[in-house]
Amino acid sequence: GTVANQKVVQDIDDETDFTLSTVKVITTKKGDAGDKTVVVRQTGST
């Protein structure tokens, strides 16, 4: 998939940044991507 947009949140505590990437799915090899977009959480930010 391709990262369509991103935002940085502190939604678990007030100190830890998480980058949330909305990924537009091109193809699925395993599982069910549902509506063809998924949100991927990564600890940290740029």
ModelCIF file with pLDDT and N, C-alpha, C, O atoms, coordinates in Angstrom:
data_MODEL
#
_entry.id   MODEL 
#
_entity.id                         1 
_entity.type                       polymer 
_entity.pdbx_number_of_molecules   1 
#
_entity_poly.entity_id                      1 
_entity_poly.type                           'polypeptide(L)' 
_entity_poly.nstd_linkage                   no 
_entity_poly.nstd_monomer                   no 
_entity_poly.pdbx_seq_one_letter_code       GTVANQKVVQDIDDETDFTLSTVKVITTKKGDAGDKTVVVRQTGST 
_entity_poly.pdbx_seq_one_letter_code_can   GTVANQKVVQDIDDETDFTLSTVKVITTKKGDAGDKTVVVRQTGST 
_entity_poly.pdbx_strand_id                 A 
#
loop_
_entity_poly_seq.entity_id 
_entity_poly_seq.num 
_entity_poly_seq.mon_id 
_entity_poly_seq.hetero 
1 1  GLY n 
1 2  THR n 
1 3  VAL n 
1 4  ALA n 
1 5  ASN n 
1 6  GLN n 
1 7  LYS n 
1 8  VAL n 
1 9  VAL n 
1 10 GLN n 
1 11 ASP n 
1 12 ILE n 
1 13 ASP n 
1 14 ASP n 
1 15 GLU n 
1 16 THR n 
1 17 ASP n 
1 18 PHE n 
1 19 THR n 
1 20 LEU n 
1 21 SER n 
1 22 THR n 
1 23 VAL n 
1 24 LYS n 
1 25 VAL n 
1 26 ILE n 
1 27 THR n 
1 28 THR n 
1 29 LYS n 
1 30 LYS n 
1 31 GLY n 
1 32 ASP n 
1 33 ALA n 
1 34 GLY n 
1 35 ASP n 
1 36 LYS n 
1 37 THR n 
1 38 VAL n 
1 39 VAL n 
1 40 VAL n 
1 41 ARG n 
1 42 GLN n 
1 43 THR n 
1 44 GLY n 
1 45 SER n 
1 46 THR n 
#
_struct_asym.id          A 
_struct_asym.entity_id   1 
#
loop_
_ma_qa_metric.id 
_ma_qa_metric.mode 
_ma_qa_metric.name 
_ma_qa_metric.software_group_id 
_ma_qa_metric.type 
1 global pLDDT . pLDDT 
2 local  pLDDT . pLDDT 
#
_ma_qa_metric_global.metric_id      1 
_ma_qa_metric_global.metric_value   91.67 
_ma_qa_metric_global.model_id       1 
_ma_qa_metric_global.ordinal_id     1 
#
loop_
_ma_qa_metric_local.label_asym_id 
_ma_qa_metric_local.label_comp_id 
_ma_qa_metric_local.label_seq_id 
_ma_qa_metric_local.metric_id 
_ma_qa_metric_local.metric_value 
_ma_qa_metric_local.model_id 
_ma_qa_metric_local.ordinal_id 
A GLY 1  2 92.00 1 1  
A THR 2  2 90.00 1 2  
A VAL 3  2 94.00 1 3  
A ALA 4  2 94.00 1 4  
A ASN 5  2 95.00 1 5  
A GLN 6  2 96.00 1 6  
A LYS 7  2 95.00 1 7  
A VAL 8  2 93.00 1 8  
A VAL 9  2 93.00 1 9  
A GLN 10 2 91.00 1 10 
A ASP 11 2 91.00 1 11 
A ILE 12 2 90.00 1 12 
A ASP 13 2 90.00 1 13 
A ASP 14 2 89.00 1 14 
A GLU 15 2 87.00 1 15 
A THR 16 2 88.00 1 16 
A ASP 17 2 89.00 1 17 
A PHE 18 2 92.00 1 18 
A THR 19 2 94.00 1 19 
A LEU 20 2 96.00 1 20 
A SER 21 2 97.00 1 21 
A THR 22 2 97.00 1 22 
A VAL 23 2 96.00 1 23 
A LYS 24 2 93.00 1 24 
A VAL 25 2 93.00 1 25 
A ILE 26 2 90.00 1 26 
A THR 27 2 89.00 1 27 
A THR 28 2 91.00 1 28 
A LYS 29 2 92.00 1 29 
A LYS 30 2 95.00 1 30 
A GLY 31 2 95.00 1 31 
A ASP 32 2 92.00 1 32 
A ALA 33 2 90.00 1 33 
A GLY 34 2 83.00 1 34 
A ASP 35 2 80.00 1 35 
A LYS 36 2 90.00 1 36 
A THR 37 2 95.00 1 37 
A VAL 38 2 97.00 1 38 
A VAL 39 2 97.00 1 39 
A VAL 40 2 97.00 1 40 
A ARG 41 2 96.00 1 41 
A GLN 42 2 93.00 1 42 
A THR 43 2 89.00 1 43 
A GLY 44 2 86.00 1 44 
A SER 45 2 86.00 1 45 
A THR 46 2 79.00 1 46 
#
loop_
_atom_site.group_PDB 
_atom_site.id 
_atom_site.type_symbol 
_atom_site.label_atom_id 
_atom_site.label_alt_id 
_atom_site.label_comp_id 
_atom_site.label_asym_id 
_atom_site.label_entity_id 
_atom_site.label_seq_id 
_atom_site.pdbx_PDB_ins_code 
_atom_site.Cartn_x 
_atom_site.Cartn_y 
_atom_site.Cartn_z 
_atom_site.occupancy 
_atom_site.B_iso_or_equiv 
_atom_site.pdbx_formal_charge 
_atom_site.auth_seq_id 
_atom_site.auth_comp_id 
_atom_site.auth_asym_id 
_atom_site.auth_atom_id 
_atom_site.pdbx_PDB_model_num 
ATOM 1   N N  . GLY A 1 1  ? 0.813   -1.206  0.000  1.00 92.00 ? 1  GLY A N  1 
ATOM 2   C CA . GLY A 1 1  ? 0.000   0.000   0.000  1.00 92.00 ? 1  GLY A CA 1 
ATOM 3   C C  . GLY A 1 1  ? 0.843   1.250   0.000  1.00 92.00 ? 1  GLY A C  1 
ATOM 4   O O  . GLY A 1 1  ? 2.053   1.213   0.228  1.00 92.00 ? 1  GLY A O  1 
ATOM 5   N N  . THR A 1 2  ? 0.176   2.363   -0.262 1.00 90.00 ? 2  THR A N  1 
ATOM 6   C CA . THR A 1 2  ? 0.821   3.670   -0.305 1.00 90.00 ? 2  THR A CA 1 
ATOM 7   C C  . THR A 1 2  ? 0.324   4.510   0.853  1.00 90.00 ? 2  THR A C  1 
ATOM 8   O O  . THR A 1 2  ? -0.877  4.567   1.115  1.00 90.00 ? 2  THR A O  1 
ATOM 9   N N  . VAL A 1 3  ? 1.246   5.165   1.549  1.00 94.00 ? 3  VAL A N  1 
ATOM 10  C CA . VAL A 1 3  ? 0.880   6.035   2.663  1.00 94.00 ? 3  VAL A CA 1 
ATOM 11  C C  . VAL A 1 3  ? 0.197   7.280   2.089  1.00 94.00 ? 3  VAL A C  1 
ATOM 12  O O  . VAL A 1 3  ? 0.829   8.095   1.418  1.00 94.00 ? 3  VAL A O  1 
ATOM 13  N N  . ALA A 1 4  ? -1.098  7.409   2.365  1.00 94.00 ? 4  ALA A N  1 
ATOM 14  C CA . ALA A 1 4  ? -1.886  8.522   1.842  1.00 94.00 ? 4  ALA A CA 1 
ATOM 15  C C  . ALA A 1 4  ? -1.734  9.773   2.704  1.00 94.00 ? 4  ALA A C  1 
ATOM 16  O O  . ALA A 1 4  ? -1.619  10.883  2.183  1.00 94.00 ? 4  ALA A O  1 
ATOM 17  N N  . ASN A 1 5  ? -1.734  9.589   4.027  1.00 95.00 ? 5  ASN A N  1 
ATOM 18  C CA . ASN A 1 5  ? -1.539  10.722  4.927  1.00 95.00 ? 5  ASN A CA 1 
ATOM 19  C C  . ASN A 1 5  ? -1.074  10.223  6.278  1.00 95.00 ? 5  ASN A C  1 
ATOM 20  O O  . ASN A 1 5  ? -1.145  9.033   6.586  1.00 95.00 ? 5  ASN A O  1 
ATOM 21  N N  . GLN A 1 6  ? -0.595  11.165  7.078  1.00 96.00 ? 6  GLN A N  1 
ATOM 22  C CA . GLN A 1 6  ? -0.076  10.831  8.400  1.00 96.00 ? 6  GLN A CA 1 
ATOM 23  C C  . GLN A 1 6  ? -0.453  11.916  9.393  1.00 96.00 ? 6  GLN A C  1 
ATOM 24  O O  . GLN A 1 6  ? -0.684  13.072  9.036  1.00 96.00 ? 6  GLN A O  1 
ATOM 25  N N  . LYS A 1 7  ? -0.505  11.501  10.653 1.00 95.00 ? 7  LYS A N  1 
ATOM 26  C CA . LYS A 1 7  ? -0.625  12.473  11.733 1.00 95.00 ? 7  LYS A CA 1 
ATOM 27  C C  . LYS A 1 7  ? 0.098   11.914  12.948 1.00 95.00 ? 7  LYS A C  1 
ATOM 28  O O  . LYS A 1 7  ? 0.228   10.701  13.110 1.00 95.00 ? 7  LYS A O  1 
ATOM 29  N N  . VAL A 1 8  ? 0.558   12.808  13.786 1.00 93.00 ? 8  VAL A N  1 
ATOM 30  C CA . VAL A 1 8  ? 1.244   12.426  15.018 1.00 93.00 ? 8  VAL A CA 1 
ATOM 31  C C  . VAL A 1 8  ? 0.294   12.679  16.175 1.00 93.00 ? 8  VAL A C  1 
ATOM 32  O O  . VAL A 1 8  ? -0.291  13.756  16.289 1.00 93.00 ? 8  VAL A O  1 
ATOM 33  N N  . VAL A 1 9  ? 0.144   11.669  17.039 1.00 93.00 ? 9  VAL A N  1 
ATOM 34  C CA . VAL A 1 9  ? -0.761  11.759  18.182 1.00 93.00 ? 9  VAL A CA 1 
ATOM 35  C C  . VAL A 1 9  ? -0.031  11.317  19.448 1.00 93.00 ? 9  VAL A C  1 
ATOM 36  O O  . VAL A 1 9  ? 0.997   10.642  19.397 1.00 93.00 ? 9  VAL A O  1 
ATOM 37  N N  . GLN A 1 10 ? -0.592  11.716  20.572 1.00 91.00 ? 10 GLN A N  1 
ATOM 38  C CA . GLN A 1 10 ? -0.174  11.217  21.887 1.00 91.00 ? 10 GLN A CA 1 
ATOM 39  C C  . GLN A 1 10 ? -1.449  10.694  22.537 1.00 91.00 ? 10 GLN A C  1 
ATOM 40  O O  . GLN A 1 10 ? -2.009  11.327  23.432 1.00 91.00 ? 10 GLN A O  1 
ATOM 41  N N  . ASP A 1 11 ? -1.899  9.528   22.072 1.00 91.00 ? 11 ASP A N  1 
ATOM 42  C CA . ASP A 1 11 ? -3.208  9.020   22.480 1.00 91.00 ? 11 ASP A CA 1 
ATOM 43  C C  . ASP A 1 11 ? -3.154  7.925   23.536 1.00 91.00 ? 11 ASP A C  1 
ATOM 44  O O  . ASP A 1 11 ? -4.198  7.452   23.985 1.00 91.00 ? 11 ASP A O  1 
ATOM 45  N N  . ILE A 1 12 ? -1.959  7.516   23.939 1.00 90.00 ? 12 ILE A N  1 
ATOM 46  C CA . ILE A 1 12 ? -1.847  6.518   25.003 1.00 90.00 ? 12 ILE A CA 1 
ATOM 47  C C  . ILE A 1 12 ? -1.373  7.184   26.289 1.00 90.00 ? 12 ILE A C  1 
ATOM 48  O O  . ILE A 1 12 ? -1.858  6.880   27.379 1.00 90.00 ? 12 ILE A O  1 
ATOM 49  N N  . ASP A 1 13 ? -0.423  8.092   26.143 1.00 90.00 ? 13 ASP A N  1 
ATOM 50  C CA . ASP A 1 13 ? -0.005  8.922   27.277 1.00 90.00 ? 13 ASP A CA 1 
ATOM 51  C C  . ASP A 1 13 ? 0.327   10.318  26.736 1.00 90.00 ? 13 ASP A C  1 
ATOM 52  O O  . ASP A 1 13 ? 0.223   10.558  25.533 1.00 90.00 ? 13 ASP A O  1 
ATOM 53  N N  . ASP A 1 14 ? 0.721   11.222  27.610 1.00 89.00 ? 14 ASP A N  1 
ATOM 54  C CA . ASP A 1 14 ? 0.972   12.604  27.199 1.00 89.00 ? 14 ASP A CA 1 
ATOM 55  C C  . ASP A 1 14 ? 2.401   12.853  26.735 1.00 89.00 ? 14 ASP A C  1 
ATOM 56  O O  . ASP A 1 14 ? 2.765   13.996  26.458 1.00 89.00 ? 14 ASP A O  1 
ATOM 57  N N  . GLU A 1 15 ? 3.218   11.806  26.645 1.00 87.00 ? 15 GLU A N  1 
ATOM 58  C CA . GLU A 1 15 ? 4.619   11.999  26.301 1.00 87.00 ? 15 GLU A CA 1 
ATOM 59  C C  . GLU A 1 15 ? 5.064   11.270  25.042 1.00 87.00 ? 15 GLU A C  1 
ATOM 60  O O  . GLU A 1 15 ? 5.985   11.719  24.360 1.00 87.00 ? 15 GLU A O  1 
ATOM 61  N N  . THR A 1 16 ? 4.426   10.158  24.729 1.00 88.00 ? 16 THR A N  1 
ATOM 62  C CA . THR A 1 16 ? 4.897   9.316   23.633 1.00 88.00 ? 16 THR A CA 1 
ATOM 63  C C  . THR A 1 16 ? 4.205   9.679   22.326 1.00 88.00 ? 16 THR A C  1 
ATOM 64  O O  . THR A 1 16 ? 2.981   9.620   22.214 1.00 88.00 ? 16 THR A O  1 
ATOM 65  N N  . ASP A 1 17 ? 5.019   10.058  21.338 1.00 89.00 ? 17 ASP A N  1 
ATOM 66  C CA . ASP A 1 17 ? 4.489   10.314  19.999 1.00 89.00 ? 17 ASP A CA 1 
ATOM 67  C C  . ASP A 1 17 ? 4.252   8.993   19.280 1.00 89.00 ? 17 ASP A C  1 
ATOM 68  O O  . ASP A 1 17 ? 5.057   8.065   19.365 1.00 89.00 ? 17 ASP A O  1 
ATOM 69  N N  . PHE A 1 18 ? 3.140   8.931   18.578 1.00 92.00 ? 18 PHE A N  1 
ATOM 70  C CA . PHE A 1 18 ? 2.855   7.837   17.657 1.00 92.00 ? 18 PHE A CA 1 
ATOM 71  C C  . PHE A 1 18 ? 2.526   8.451   16.311 1.00 92.00 ? 18 PHE A C  1 
ATOM 72  O O  . PHE A 1 18 ? 1.727   9.384   16.227 1.00 92.00 ? 18 PHE A O  1 
ATOM 73  N N  . THR A 1 19 ? 3.137   7.932   15.257 1.00 94.00 ? 19 THR A N  1 
ATOM 74  C CA . THR A 1 19 ? 2.790   8.361   13.911 1.00 94.00 ? 19 THR A CA 1 
ATOM 75  C C  . THR A 1 19 ? 1.747   7.396   13.379 1.00 94.00 ? 19 THR A C  1 
ATOM 76  O O  . THR A 1 19 ? 1.974   6.188   13.319 1.00 94.00 ? 19 THR A O  1 
ATOM 77  N N  . LEU A 1 20 ? 0.599   7.943   12.993 1.00 96.00 ? 20 LEU A N  1 
ATOM 78  C CA . LEU A 1 20 ? -0.480  7.145   12.409 1.00 96.00 ? 20 LEU A CA 1 
ATOM 79  C C  . LEU A 1 20 ? -0.477  7.373   10.906 1.00 96.00 ? 20 LEU A C  1 
ATOM 80  O O  . LEU A 1 20 ? -0.715  8.488   10.441 1.00 96.00 ? 20 LEU A O  1 
ATOM 81  N N  . SER A 1 21 ? -0.209  6.326   10.154 1.00 97.00 ? 21 SER A N  1 
ATOM 82  C CA . SER A 1 21 ? -0.175  6.406   8.697  1.00 97.00 ? 21 SER A CA 1 
ATOM 83  C C  . SER A 1 21 ? -1.407  5.726   8.132  1.00 97.00 ? 21 SER A C  1 
ATOM 84  O O  . SER A 1 21 ? -1.648  4.547   8.395  1.00 97.00 ? 21 SER A O  1 
ATOM 85  N N  . THR A 1 22 ? -2.183  6.462   7.359  1.00 97.00 ? 22 THR A N  1 
ATOM 86  C CA . THR A 1 22 ? -3.307  5.871   6.640  1.00 97.00 ? 22 THR A CA 1 
ATOM 87  C C  . THR A 1 22 ? -2.751  5.324   5.330  1.00 97.00 ? 22 THR A C  1 
ATOM 88  O O  . THR A 1 22 ? -2.255  6.072   4.487  1.00 97.00 ? 22 THR A O  1 
ATOM 89  N N  . VAL A 1 23 ? -2.844  4.008   5.176  1.00 96.00 ? 23 VAL A N  1 
ATOM 90  C CA . VAL A 1 23 ? -2.253  3.328   4.024  1.00 96.00 ? 23 VAL A CA 1 
ATOM 91  C C  . VAL A 1 23 ? -3.367  2.876   3.088  1.00 96.00 ? 23 VAL A C  1 
ATOM 92  O O  . VAL A 1 23 ? -4.265  2.136   3.490  1.00 96.00 ? 23 VAL A O  1 
ATOM 93  N N  . LYS A 1 24 ? -3.302  3.326   1.839  1.00 93.00 ? 24 LYS A N  1 
ATOM 94  C CA . LYS A 1 24 ? -4.247  2.900   0.807  1.00 93.00 ? 24 LYS A CA 1 
ATOM 95  C C  . LYS A 1 24 ? -3.739  1.581   0.238  1.00 93.00 ? 24 LYS A C  1 
ATOM 96  O O  . LYS A 1 24 ? -2.656  1.523   -0.344 1.00 93.00 ? 24 LYS A O  1 
ATOM 97  N N  . VAL A 1 25 ? -4.530  0.523   0.411  1.00 93.00 ? 25 VAL A N  1 
ATOM 98  C CA . VAL A 1 25 ? -4.105  -0.822  0.035  1.00 93.00 ? 25 VAL A CA 1 
ATOM 99  C C  . VAL A 1 25 ? -4.206  -1.032  -1.479 1.00 93.00 ? 25 VAL A C  1 
ATOM 100 O O  . VAL A 1 25 ? -5.235  -0.763  -2.098 1.00 93.00 ? 25 VAL A O  1 
ATOM 101 N N  . ILE A 1 26 ? -3.107  -1.519  -2.051 1.00 90.00 ? 26 ILE A N  1 
ATOM 102 C CA . ILE A 1 26 ? -3.081  -1.866  -3.474 1.00 90.00 ? 26 ILE A CA 1 
ATOM 103 C C  . ILE A 1 26 ? -3.411  -3.346  -3.632 1.00 90.00 ? 26 ILE A C  1 
ATOM 104 O O  . ILE A 1 26 ? -4.206  -3.727  -4.491 1.00 90.00 ? 26 ILE A O  1 
ATOM 105 N N  . THR A 1 27 ? -2.793  -4.172  -2.796 1.00 89.00 ? 27 THR A N  1 
ATOM 106 C CA . THR A 1 27 ? -3.062  -5.604  -2.831 1.00 89.00 ? 27 THR A CA 1 
ATOM 107 C C  . THR A 1 27 ? -2.865  -6.193  -1.436 1.00 89.00 ? 27 THR A C  1 
ATOM 108 O O  . THR A 1 27 ? -2.077  -5.687  -0.637 1.00 89.00 ? 27 THR A O  1 
ATOM 109 N N  . THR A 1 28 ? -3.591  -7.262  -1.162 1.00 91.00 ? 28 THR A N  1 
ATOM 110 C CA . THR A 1 28 ? -3.502  -7.953  0.126  1.00 91.00 ? 28 THR A CA 1 
ATOM 111 C C  . THR A 1 28 ? -2.971  -9.357  -0.116 1.00 91.00 ? 28 THR A C  1 
ATOM 112 O O  . THR A 1 28 ? -3.504  -10.099 -0.941 1.00 91.00 ? 28 THR A O  1 
ATOM 113 N N  . LYS A 1 29 ? -1.919  -9.715  0.609  1.00 92.00 ? 29 LYS A N  1 
ATOM 114 C CA . LYS A 1 29 ? -1.336  -11.050 0.490  1.00 92.00 ? 29 LYS A CA 1 
ATOM 115 C C  . LYS A 1 29 ? -1.862  -11.982 1.585  1.00 92.00 ? 29 LYS A C  1 
ATOM 116 O O  . LYS A 1 29 ? -1.977  -13.190 1.377  1.00 92.00 ? 29 LYS A O  1 
ATOM 117 N N  . LYS A 1 30 ? -2.182  -11.413 2.756  1.00 95.00 ? 30 LYS A N  1 
ATOM 118 C CA . LYS A 1 30 ? -2.719  -12.202 3.861  1.00 95.00 ? 30 LYS A CA 1 
ATOM 119 C C  . LYS A 1 30 ? -3.691  -11.326 4.635  1.00 95.00 ? 30 LYS A C  1 
ATOM 120 O O  . LYS A 1 30 ? -3.442  -10.136 4.827  1.00 95.00 ? 30 LYS A O  1 
ATOM 121 N N  . GLY A 1 31 ? -4.799  -11.913 5.079  1.00 95.00 ? 31 GLY A N  1 
ATOM 122 C CA . GLY A 1 31 ? -5.770  -11.196 5.896  1.00 95.00 ? 31 GLY A CA 1 
ATOM 123 C C  . GLY A 1 31 ? -6.806  -10.464 5.070  1.00 95.00 ? 31 GLY A C  1 
ATOM 124 O O  . GLY A 1 31 ? -6.927  -10.671 3.863  1.00 95.00 ? 31 GLY A O  1 
ATOM 125 N N  . ASP A 1 32 ? -7.556  -9.597  5.748  1.00 92.00 ? 32 ASP A N  1 
ATOM 126 C CA . ASP A 1 32 ? -8.639  -8.845  5.122  1.00 92.00 ? 32 ASP A CA 1 
ATOM 127 C C  . ASP A 1 32 ? -8.440  -7.366  5.428  1.00 92.00 ? 32 ASP A C  1 
ATOM 128 O O  . ASP A 1 32 ? -8.513  -6.946  6.583  1.00 92.00 ? 32 ASP A O  1 
ATOM 129 N N  . ALA A 1 33 ? -8.186  -6.581  4.384  1.00 90.00 ? 33 ALA A N  1 
ATOM 130 C CA . ALA A 1 33 ? -7.939  -5.146  4.557  1.00 90.00 ? 33 ALA A CA 1 
ATOM 131 C C  . ALA A 1 33 ? -9.232  -4.346  4.625  1.00 90.00 ? 33 ALA A C  1 
ATOM 132 O O  . ALA A 1 33 ? -9.189  -3.116  4.676  1.00 90.00 ? 33 ALA A O  1 
ATOM 133 N N  . GLY A 1 34 ? -10.374 -5.014  4.627  1.00 83.00 ? 34 GLY A N  1 
ATOM 134 C CA . GLY A 1 34 ? -11.650 -4.318  4.808  1.00 83.00 ? 34 GLY A CA 1 
ATOM 135 C C  . GLY A 1 34 ? -11.921 -3.288  3.740  1.00 83.00 ? 34 GLY A C  1 
ATOM 136 O O  . GLY A 1 34 ? -12.081 -3.625  2.567  1.00 83.00 ? 34 GLY A O  1 
ATOM 137 N N  . ASP A 1 35 ? -11.974 -2.004  4.151  1.00 80.00 ? 35 ASP A N  1 
ATOM 138 C CA . ASP A 1 35 ? -12.366 -0.939  3.225  1.00 80.00 ? 35 ASP A CA 1 
ATOM 139 C C  . ASP A 1 35 ? -11.213 -0.446  2.338  1.00 80.00 ? 35 ASP A C  1 
ATOM 140 O O  . ASP A 1 35 ? -11.317 0.607   1.708  1.00 80.00 ? 35 ASP A O  1 
ATOM 141 N N  . LYS A 1 36 ? -10.141 -1.195  2.295  1.00 90.00 ? 36 LYS A N  1 
ATOM 142 C CA . LYS A 1 36 ? -8.983  -0.903  1.443  1.00 90.00 ? 36 LYS A CA 1 
ATOM 143 C C  . LYS A 1 36 ? -8.108  0.239   1.951  1.00 90.00 ? 36 LYS A C  1 
ATOM 144 O O  . LYS A 1 36 ? -7.271  0.756   1.211  1.00 90.00 ? 36 LYS A O  1 
ATOM 145 N N  . THR A 1 37 ? -8.296  0.632   3.200  1.00 95.00 ? 37 THR A N  1 
ATOM 146 C CA . THR A 1 37 ? -7.323  1.487   3.871  1.00 95.00 ? 37 THR A CA 1 
ATOM 147 C C  . THR A 1 37 ? -7.108  0.911   5.263  1.00 95.00 ? 37 THR A C  1 
ATOM 148 O O  . THR A 1 37 ? -8.035  0.382   5.877  1.00 95.00 ? 37 THR A O  1 
ATOM 149 N N  . VAL A 1 38 ? -5.888  1.018   5.753  1.00 97.00 ? 38 VAL A N  1 
ATOM 150 C CA . VAL A 1 38 ? -5.573  0.596   7.110  1.00 97.00 ? 38 VAL A CA 1 
ATOM 151 C C  . VAL A 1 38 ? -4.753  1.700   7.769  1.00 97.00 ? 38 VAL A C  1 
ATOM 152 O O  . VAL A 1 38 ? -4.055  2.459   7.097  1.00 97.00 ? 38 VAL A O  1 
ATOM 153 N N  . VAL A 1 39 ? -4.848  1.774   9.092  1.00 97.00 ? 39 VAL A N  1 
ATOM 154 C CA . VAL A 1 39 ? -4.057  2.736   9.845  1.00 97.00 ? 39 VAL A CA 1 
ATOM 155 C C  . VAL A 1 39 ? -2.947  1.969   10.560 1.00 97.00 ? 39 VAL A C  1 
ATOM 156 O O  . VAL A 1 39 ? -3.200  1.037   11.323 1.00 97.00 ? 39 VAL A O  1 
ATOM 157 N N  . VAL A 1 40 ? -1.705  2.390   10.290 1.00 97.00 ? 40 VAL A N  1 
ATOM 158 C CA . VAL A 1 40 ? -0.530  1.751   10.867 1.00 97.00 ? 40 VAL A CA 1 
ATOM 159 C C  . VAL A 1 40 ? 0.069   2.691   11.905 1.00 97.00 ? 40 VAL A C  1 
ATOM 160 O O  . VAL A 1 40 ? 0.365   3.850   11.613 1.00 97.00 ? 40 VAL A O  1 
ATOM 161 N N  . ARG A 1 41 ? 0.246   2.170   13.139 1.00 96.00 ? 41 ARG A N  1 
ATOM 162 C CA . ARG A 1 41 ? 0.847   2.920   14.249 1.00 96.00 ? 41 ARG A CA 1 
ATOM 163 C C  . ARG A 1 41 ? 2.332   2.633   14.314 1.00 96.00 ? 41 ARG A C  1 
ATOM 164 O O  . ARG A 1 41 ? 2.754   1.477   14.281 1.00 96.00 ? 41 ARG A O  1 
ATOM 165 N N  . GLN A 1 42 ? 3.123   3.691   14.405 1.00 93.00 ? 42 GLN A N  1 
ATOM 166 C CA . GLN A 1 42 ? 4.555   3.531   14.639 1.00 93.00 ? 42 GLN A CA 1 
ATOM 167 C C  . GLN A 1 42 ? 4.930   4.405   15.827 1.00 93.00 ? 42 GLN A C  1 
ATOM 168 O O  . GLN A 1 42 ? 4.511   5.559   15.918 1.00 93.00 ? 42 GLN A O  1 
ATOM 169 N N  . THR A 1 43 ? 5.715   3.853   16.728 1.00 89.00 ? 43 THR A N  1 
ATOM 170 C CA . THR A 1 43 ? 6.168   4.623   17.876 1.00 89.00 ? 43 THR A CA 1 
ATOM 171 C C  . THR A 1 43 ? 7.184   5.653   17.406 1.00 89.00 ? 43 THR A C  1 
ATOM 172 O O  . THR A 1 43 ? 8.140   5.331   16.700 1.00 89.00 ? 43 THR A O  1 
ATOM 173 N N  . GLY A 1 44 ? 6.959   6.902   17.814 1.00 86.00 ? 44 GLY A N  1 
ATOM 174 C CA . GLY A 1 44 ? 7.848   7.989   17.449 1.00 86.00 ? 44 GLY A CA 1 
ATOM 175 C C  . GLY A 1 44 ? 7.260   8.838   16.346 1.00 86.00 ? 44 GLY A C  1 
ATOM 176 O O  . GLY A 1 44 ? 6.152   8.597   15.866 1.00 86.00 ? 44 GLY A O  1 
ATOM 177 N N  . SER A 1 45 ? 8.025   9.829   15.958 1.00 86.00 ? 45 SER A N  1 
ATOM 178 C CA . SER A 1 45 ? 7.647   10.724  14.876 1.00 86.00 ? 45 SER A CA 1 
ATOM 179 C C  . SER A 1 45 ? 8.924   11.238  14.234 1.00 86.00 ? 45 SER A C  1 
ATOM 180 O O  . SER A 1 45 ? 10.020  10.949  14.714 1.00 86.00 ? 45 SER A O  1 
ATOM 181 N N  . THR A 1 46 ? 8.794   11.991  13.163 1.00 79.00 ? 46 THR A N  1 
ATOM 182 C CA . THR A 1 46 ? 10.000  12.520  12.528 1.00 79.00 ? 46 THR A CA 1 
ATOM 183 C C  . THR A 1 46 ? 10.701  13.517  13.449 1.00 79.00 ? 46 THR A C  1 
ATOM 184 O O  . THR A 1 46 ? 11.739  14.070  13.086 1.00 79.00 ? 46 THR A O  1 
#
